[in-house]
Structure formats: structure tokens, C-alpha cells
Amino acid sequence: MSQPGKVLADDVGLLLAAGRLLRYNDPATMGPAMQSDLWDQRVLLDEVAKQRFSLGLMLFDANRLDSDPSERWTPELVAALHTHYRIL
């Protein structure tokens, strides 16, 4: 992975294999925690709004879907990605 900067990813194993530092290390737990208000997603939403990530690697087709079928990421986060990043 040659993209410099922070990466937001569903599969943190890919980041570890590439020798990248993890900003968020457990998306599978984060989504349900955000959905049930056990973890405040405002910090993450703010990071997305400020484009603090140079790249996002999601396991769903964000061009086709407005929400994450696995529920790792909240609808608010998916909307923020659509607003602040170019989806490829």
C-alpha cells in the first residue's frame, strides 16, 4: 500500500500486513457500539469531515449503497464518506 497518511479500513489485517499504524482497530465492534450509543462516533465523523484519512477501504460498494450491509459503519459515517471523499 503506497498511499501515505492514515487509512480507514474494514479489514485492519490488510493495514497490519502493510505495516500501517491503526487509528481504529476493530470496525466490526465499532459499528454496533456506535449504533447503540455505547461509543460516540462524533470524533470519527469529524476526522472524516476534515479529510484526515488519505484512503478508505470498505468491503461494500459505496457507489451502489448508502449504508453498510455488515453494519460496521453507521449510515452517518457512510454519508460523511460520500460528502467528503471521492468514492471509487
Protein backbone atom coordinates (compact mmCIF):
# COMPACT_ATOMS: atom_id res chain seq x y z
CA MET A 1 0.00 0.00 0.00
CA SER A 2 1.80 3.10 -1.19
CA GLN A 3 -0.78 5.75 -0.24
CA PRO A 4 0.75 7.94 2.51
CA GLY A 5 -1.28 9.02 5.53
CA LYS A 6 -3.96 7.46 7.70
CA VAL A 7 -6.20 4.78 6.24
CA LEU A 8 -9.71 3.90 7.41
CA ALA A 9 -10.39 0.24 6.62
CA ASP A 10 -12.84 -2.58 7.25
CA ASP A 11 -10.04 -5.13 7.15
CA VAL A 12 -7.38 -3.96 9.59
CA GLY A 13 -5.37 -7.09 8.80
CA LEU A 14 -4.51 -5.52 5.45
CA LEU A 15 -3.21 -2.44 7.23
CA LEU A 16 -1.14 -4.50 9.64
CA ALA A 17 0.29 -6.57 6.77
CA ALA A 18 1.26 -3.33 5.04
CA GLY A 19 2.98 -2.06 8.19
CA ARG A 20 0.46 0.75 8.70
CA LEU A 21 -0.47 2.21 12.07
CA LEU A 22 -4.06 1.58 13.12
CA ARG A 23 -6.17 4.59 14.07
CA TYR A 24 -9.27 2.43 14.56
CA ASN A 25 -8.60 -1.25 15.08
CA ASP A 26 -11.95 -3.02 15.33
CA PRO A 27 -14.61 -1.84 12.87
CA ALA A 28 -16.72 -4.96 13.50
CA THR A 29 -17.19 -3.83 17.11
CA MET A 30 -17.24 -0.09 16.43
CA GLY A 31 -20.37 -0.19 14.24
CA PRO A 32 -22.63 -1.88 16.77
CA ALA A 33 -21.15 0.27 19.57
CA MET A 34 -21.89 3.44 17.56
CA GLN A 35 -25.40 2.22 16.63
CA SER A 36 -26.27 1.57 20.28
CA ASP A 37 -24.66 4.81 21.53
CA LEU A 38 -22.01 2.94 23.54
CA TRP A 39 -19.29 4.76 21.58
CA ASP A 40 -19.60 8.35 20.39
CA GLN A 41 -18.90 8.49 16.68
CA ARG A 42 -18.53 12.29 16.56
CA VAL A 43 -14.72 12.13 16.70
CA LEU A 44 -14.61 9.74 13.74
CA LEU A 45 -17.19 11.79 11.81
CA ASP A 46 -15.10 14.91 12.47
CA GLU A 47 -11.97 13.16 11.18
CA VAL A 48 -13.84 12.19 8.02
CA ALA A 49 -15.21 15.72 7.58
CA LYS A 50 -11.69 17.13 7.92
CA GLN A 51 -10.43 14.50 5.45
CA ARG A 52 -7.85 13.18 7.90
CA PHE A 53 -7.75 9.86 6.06
CA SER A 54 -5.89 9.64 2.79
CA LEU A 55 -7.74 6.47 1.86
CA GLY A 56 -10.73 4.40 2.92
CA LEU A 57 -11.01 0.69 2.17
CA MET A 58 -14.55 -0.59 2.64
CA LEU A 59 -15.86 -4.08 1.96
CA PHE A 60 -19.11 -2.84 0.41
CA ASP A 61 -19.83 -0.98 -2.81
CA ALA A 62 -20.28 2.59 -1.61
CA ASN A 63 -21.17 3.67 -5.15
CA ARG A 64 -24.26 1.45 -5.06
CA LEU A 65 -25.19 1.50 -1.39
CA ASP A 66 -25.93 4.30 1.07
CA SER A 67 -25.39 2.02 4.05
CA ASP A 68 -23.02 -0.73 5.05
CA PRO A 69 -24.78 -4.14 4.92
CA SER A 70 -22.39 -5.52 7.56
CA GLU A 71 -23.27 -2.59 9.88
CA ARG A 72 -19.59 -1.98 10.65
CA TRP A 73 -20.13 1.66 9.69
CA THR A 74 -23.18 3.72 10.60
CA PRO A 75 -25.36 5.42 7.99
CA GLU A 76 -23.99 8.75 9.25
CA LEU A 77 -20.42 7.65 8.58
CA VAL A 78 -21.27 6.35 5.10
CA ALA A 79 -23.00 9.67 4.35
CA ALA A 80 -19.92 11.56 5.59
CA LEU A 81 -17.69 9.49 3.31
CA HIS A 82 -19.96 10.33 0.37
CA THR A 83 -19.85 14.03 1.28
CA HIS A 84 -16.12 14.41 1.93
CA TYR A 85 -14.40 11.80 -0.26
CA ARG A 86 -14.41 10.69 -3.85
CA ILE A 87 -15.81 7.15 -3.99
CA LEU A 88 -14.10 4.87 -6.49
